[in-house]
Protein backbone atom coordinates (compact mmCIF):
# COMPACT_ATOMS: atom_id res chain seq x y z
CA MET A 1 48.78 80.93 76.91
CA ARG A 2 45.34 82.24 77.80
CA LYS A 3 45.00 83.77 74.33
CA SER A 4 45.85 80.45 72.65
CA LEU A 5 43.34 78.64 74.84
CA LEU A 6 40.65 81.19 73.97
CA VAL A 7 41.32 80.74 70.24
CA LEU A 8 41.02 76.97 70.61
CA LEU A 9 37.73 77.29 72.46
CA LEU A 10 36.32 79.60 69.78
CA TRP A 11 37.41 77.39 66.89
CA ALA A 12 36.43 74.04 68.40
CA PRO A 13 32.68 74.24 67.53
CA LEU A 14 33.49 75.27 63.95
CA ALA A 15 35.98 72.44 63.55
CA MET A 16 33.43 69.93 64.86
CA ALA A 17 30.83 71.22 62.40
CA LEU A 18 33.24 70.66 59.51
CA LEU A 19 33.84 67.03 60.43
CA PRO A 20 31.77 64.40 58.55
CA GLN A 21 28.65 63.62 60.55
CA PRO A 22 27.77 60.00 61.34
CA VAL A 23 25.16 58.54 58.99
CA GLN A 24 21.83 57.85 60.69
CA ARG A 25 20.60 54.52 59.35
CA LEU A 26 17.02 53.27 59.53
CA ASP A 27 16.18 50.93 62.38
CA GLN A 28 15.13 47.34 61.68
CA THR A 29 11.41 47.98 62.27
CA THR A 30 11.35 50.80 59.71
CA GLN A 31 13.25 48.72 57.16
CA GLN A 32 10.79 45.85 57.57
CA ALA A 33 7.80 48.19 57.14
CA ILE A 34 9.23 49.38 53.81
CA GLN A 35 9.99 45.87 52.58
CA ARG A 36 6.52 44.56 53.48
CA PHE A 37 4.86 47.46 51.71
CA LEU A 38 6.88 47.10 48.50
CA LEU A 39 6.02 43.41 48.32
CA HIS A 40 2.38 44.30 47.66
CA ASN A 41 2.38 47.79 46.09
CA ARG A 42 3.53 49.20 42.78
CA ILE A 43 2.95 52.28 40.62
CA LEU A 44 3.15 52.48 36.83
CA ASP A 45 3.89 55.79 35.13
CA SER A 46 1.35 55.21 32.36
CA PRO A 47 -1.76 53.02 31.90
CA GLN A 48 -0.12 51.72 28.72
CA ASP A 49 2.63 50.13 30.83
CA LEU A 50 -0.01 47.77 32.17
CA ASP A 51 -2.17 47.50 29.05
CA ASN A 52 0.82 46.37 26.95
CA ALA A 53 2.08 43.81 29.49
CA PRO A 54 1.63 40.02 29.05
CA TYR A 55 -1.72 38.77 30.35
CA ILE A 56 -3.32 35.62 31.68
CA ILE A 57 -5.59 33.74 29.27
CA ALA A 58 -6.89 30.98 31.52
CA ALA A 59 -6.14 28.84 34.54
CA ASP A 60 -6.50 25.19 35.41
CA ALA A 61 -10.03 24.41 36.54
CA GLY A 62 -11.21 27.95 35.83
CA ARG A 63 -10.23 30.48 38.47
CA VAL A 64 -7.35 30.20 40.90
CA LEU A 65 -8.00 31.11 44.51
CA GLY A 66 -5.17 30.79 47.01
CA ALA A 67 -3.78 27.71 45.30
CA ASN A 68 0.00 27.69 45.28
CA GLY A 69 1.37 25.59 42.45
CA GLU A 70 -1.77 25.89 40.30
CA ARG A 71 -0.89 26.55 36.67
CA VAL A 72 -2.00 29.51 34.58
CA TYR A 73 -1.52 30.19 30.89
CA ALA A 74 -0.44 33.57 29.55
CA ARG A 75 0.12 35.36 26.27
CA GLY A 76 2.74 38.02 25.61
CA ASN A 77 6.49 38.51 25.71
CA LEU A 78 7.63 36.54 28.75
CA GLU A 79 11.35 35.90 29.13
CA PRO A 80 12.54 32.48 30.39
CA SER A 81 15.52 34.33 31.91
CA GLN A 82 13.04 36.12 34.19
CA PRO A 83 11.82 33.25 36.41
CA HIS A 84 9.33 35.18 38.55
CA TYR A 85 6.53 37.55 37.59
CA GLY A 86 4.09 39.62 39.59
CA ILE A 87 0.37 39.31 38.80
CA PHE A 88 -1.36 42.69 38.77
CA ARG A 89 -4.68 44.35 37.96
CA ARG A 90 -5.39 48.00 37.22
CA GLY A 91 -6.16 49.98 40.36
CA LYS A 92 -6.51 53.66 41.18
CA VAL A 93 -5.65 56.29 38.60
CA TYR A 94 -3.70 59.17 40.14
CA THR A 95 -4.11 62.74 38.92
CA ASP A 96 -2.57 65.90 40.31
CA PRO A 97 -5.07 67.64 42.64
CA GLN A 98 -4.08 71.06 41.29
CA THR A 99 -3.45 70.56 37.55
CA GLN A 100 -5.41 67.31 36.92
CA GLU A 101 -2.37 65.93 35.08
CA LEU A 102 -2.28 62.13 34.88
CA LEU A 103 0.54 61.07 37.22
CA GLY A 104 0.31 57.28 37.05
CA ILE A 105 -1.75 54.29 38.10
CA ASN A 106 -1.66 51.89 41.00
CA ALA A 107 -1.09 48.27 39.98
CA ASP A 108 -3.10 46.16 42.45
CA ASP A 109 -1.12 43.16 43.65
CA ILE A 110 -2.85 39.84 42.90
CA GLY A 111 0.06 37.47 43.48
CA THR A 112 3.21 36.02 41.94
CA ALA A 113 3.91 33.26 39.44
CA GLN A 114 6.96 31.31 38.32
CA PHE A 115 7.86 30.68 34.69
CA VAL A 116 7.46 26.99 33.74
CA VAL A 117 7.25 26.39 29.97
CA ALA A 118 7.46 28.76 26.99
CA GLY A 119 5.22 28.42 23.95
CA ASP A 120 2.41 30.17 22.09
CA LEU A 121 0.83 30.17 25.53
CA THR A 122 3.37 30.39 28.34
CA THR A 123 2.77 28.20 31.37
CA LEU A 124 3.39 29.62 34.84
CA ALA A 125 2.90 28.21 38.34
CA VAL A 126 1.13 30.44 40.85
CA GLN A 127 3.21 30.91 44.00
CA ARG A 128 1.27 33.46 46.03
CA VAL A 129 -2.18 35.06 45.73
CA THR A 130 -3.98 37.85 47.56
CA GLN A 131 -7.23 37.24 45.66
CA GLU A 132 -8.42 35.07 42.82
CA VAL A 133 -6.49 35.25 39.57
CA ARG A 134 -8.66 36.18 36.58
CA PRO A 135 -8.24 36.10 32.80
CA GLY A 136 -6.89 39.49 31.75
CA ASP A 137 -4.69 39.96 34.82
CA ARG A 138 -1.29 41.31 33.80
CA LEU A 139 2.20 39.95 34.39
CA LEU A 140 5.07 42.29 35.26
CA SER A 141 8.71 41.56 35.95
CA ALA A 142 10.13 42.62 39.30
CA GLU A 143 11.11 46.23 39.93
CA SER A 144 14.69 47.11 40.73
CA PRO A 145 15.13 46.30 44.43
CA VAL A 146 15.21 48.90 47.18
CA ASP A 147 17.49 48.19 50.12
CA PRO A 148 16.29 50.24 53.12
CA ALA A 149 19.46 49.28 54.99
CA THR A 150 21.41 51.62 52.69
CA PHE A 151 19.09 54.59 53.28
CA SER A 152 20.36 57.48 55.35
CA ARG A 153 17.99 60.19 56.46
CA LYS A 154 18.92 63.28 54.48
CA PRO A 155 17.32 66.57 53.47
CA SER A 156 16.58 67.32 49.83
CA ALA A 157 19.02 69.33 47.75
CA ALA A 158 16.11 71.15 46.07
CA PHE A 159 12.94 72.63 47.52
CA VAL A 160 9.94 70.45 46.68
CA LYS A 161 6.39 70.80 47.92
CA GLY A 162 3.28 68.78 47.20
CA GLN A 163 0.46 66.78 48.73
CA ILE A 164 -0.33 63.35 50.11
CA ILE A 165 -2.84 61.99 47.58
CA ASP A 166 -3.50 58.42 48.74
CA ILE A 167 -3.11 55.90 51.54
CA PRO A 168 -2.61 52.59 49.70
CA LYS A 169 -3.76 50.41 52.59
CA GLY A 170 -7.14 52.16 52.58
CA VAL A 171 -7.34 53.77 56.03
CA THR A 172 -8.62 57.32 56.50
CA GLN A 173 -6.03 58.55 58.99
CA ILE A 174 -2.28 58.08 58.77
CA GLY A 175 0.07 57.22 61.62
CA VAL A 176 3.70 56.27 62.21
CA LEU A 177 5.07 53.61 59.78
CA ASP A 178 2.12 54.01 57.42
CA ALA A 179 2.99 54.44 53.73
CA VAL A 180 1.47 57.21 51.62
CA THR A 181 1.44 58.19 47.95
CA LEU A 182 2.87 61.62 47.07
CA ASN A 183 2.08 63.69 43.98
CA LYS A 184 5.74 64.44 43.25
CA GLY A 185 8.46 62.19 41.84
CA ARG A 186 11.89 62.06 40.24
CA ARG A 187 11.15 64.80 37.72
CA ASP A 188 10.36 67.16 40.62
CA GLY A 189 13.60 66.44 42.47
CA LEU A 190 12.54 63.76 44.97
CA ALA A 191 14.96 60.91 45.64
CA GLU A 192 14.91 57.82 47.83
CA GLY A 193 16.17 58.54 51.34
CA GLN A 194 15.03 62.17 51.46
CA LEU A 195 13.10 63.58 54.41
CA LEU A 196 9.92 65.62 54.02
CA SER A 197 7.95 67.67 56.54
CA VAL A 198 4.18 67.29 56.62
CA ILE A 199 2.36 70.61 57.03
CA LYS A 200 -1.17 70.90 58.44
CA THR A 201 -3.07 73.87 57.04
CA GLY A 202 -4.29 76.09 59.84
CA ALA A 203 -8.03 76.06 60.46
CA THR A 204 -10.15 79.12 59.73
CA VAL A 205 -12.00 80.40 62.80
CA ARG A 206 -14.21 83.38 63.46
CA ASP A 207 -13.12 86.27 65.64
CA THR A 208 -15.81 86.37 68.34
CA LEU A 209 -15.46 90.14 68.76
CA THR A 210 -15.34 91.33 65.16
CA GLY A 211 -17.02 88.39 63.43
CA ALA A 212 -14.24 88.31 60.82
CA PRO A 213 -12.74 84.97 59.68
CA VAL A 214 -9.17 84.38 60.87
CA ALA A 215 -6.77 81.79 59.41
CA LEU A 216 -4.68 80.07 62.07
CA PRO A 217 -0.99 79.44 61.26
CA ASP A 218 0.07 76.30 59.40
CA GLU A 219 1.87 73.79 61.62
CA HIS A 220 4.47 71.05 61.20
CA ALA A 221 2.65 67.76 61.83
CA GLY A 222 5.08 64.98 60.93
CA THR A 223 8.05 63.68 58.97
CA LEU A 224 8.08 61.43 55.90
CA LEU A 225 10.89 59.35 54.41
CA VAL A 226 10.80 58.97 50.62
CA PHE A 227 11.53 55.28 49.96
CA ARG A 228 10.44 54.66 46.36
CA THR A 229 10.30 57.20 43.54
CA TYR A 230 8.66 57.07 40.14
CA GLU A 231 8.64 59.67 37.38
CA LYS A 232 5.71 61.71 38.74
CA LEU A 233 4.81 59.97 42.02
CA SER A 234 6.57 58.65 45.12
CA TYR A 235 5.93 56.53 48.19
CA GLY A 236 6.71 58.00 51.59
CA LEU A 237 6.80 56.39 55.04
CA VAL A 238 5.64 58.29 58.12
CA LEU A 239 8.55 58.41 60.59
CA SER A 240 6.86 60.70 63.09
CA ALA A 241 3.47 62.38 63.52
CA SER A 242 2.32 64.80 66.20
CA ARG A 243 -1.31 64.29 65.13
CA PRO A 244 -3.22 62.07 62.66
CA LEU A 245 -2.37 62.86 59.04
CA VAL A 246 -4.89 62.68 56.20
CA VAL A 247 -5.03 62.71 52.41
CA MET A 248 -4.42 66.20 50.97
CA ASP A 249 -2.09 67.23 53.80
CA ARG A 250 0.83 69.17 52.34
CA PHE A 251 4.50 68.27 52.48
CA GLU A 252 7.71 70.22 51.94
CA THR A 253 11.35 69.25 51.83
CA ALA A 254 12.52 69.00 55.41
CA HIS A 255 15.46 71.43 55.33
CA GLN A 256 13.10 74.28 54.51
CA THR A 257 10.82 73.76 57.51
CA GLN A 258 12.86 72.15 60.28
């Protein structure tokens, strides 16, 4: 009897480990942070993706500034079956900090417009603006939606490492629920829902006795959730940070460092 009980006690932890673990979903605040960010931010894999898009020729009464319902006229292949378009302008060009490879461009959000009438010049009604709409601004159809409610926090199947290369909202230091741009994407093995560890490079100090420089150890400084991937770039959301994060901080797939 005692032997059977001992066997059960020894096997219980292993049996529990083999059971499917409950999925840890994102809380409502985190989901809302992702949705708000994606409403106003977008990356294109190539400058040509923007240069070849339909563009605005003119607007009623010249420029449009914060005027919902104002009409604009555009040229290019606009589909009546696609009722809503985003209005964008070329923003930052992203290159890899190590190889200088072109990774993509940021499409600056100008607003949204609704399809009204097709023709040689297509008529659209402006629905939302963040700044004035100008001739030459580009029109893009909506991206495939991301539903943060379906995300589960999971480690990556492959080891990926890279760097934070931008903070789209323009601050200098990064905190919890801030979004960042990463220099790795789908081709490198990143996928939406993966967790990444942010690594702070240890400072170099001088040994006061010998005068020799000494590199302090690198330290884990935070955790990112990948929530939108592109071919060569991704967006990540800071879930935790033990200290302020900055552009050029390194990241690694979480299962390698935690």
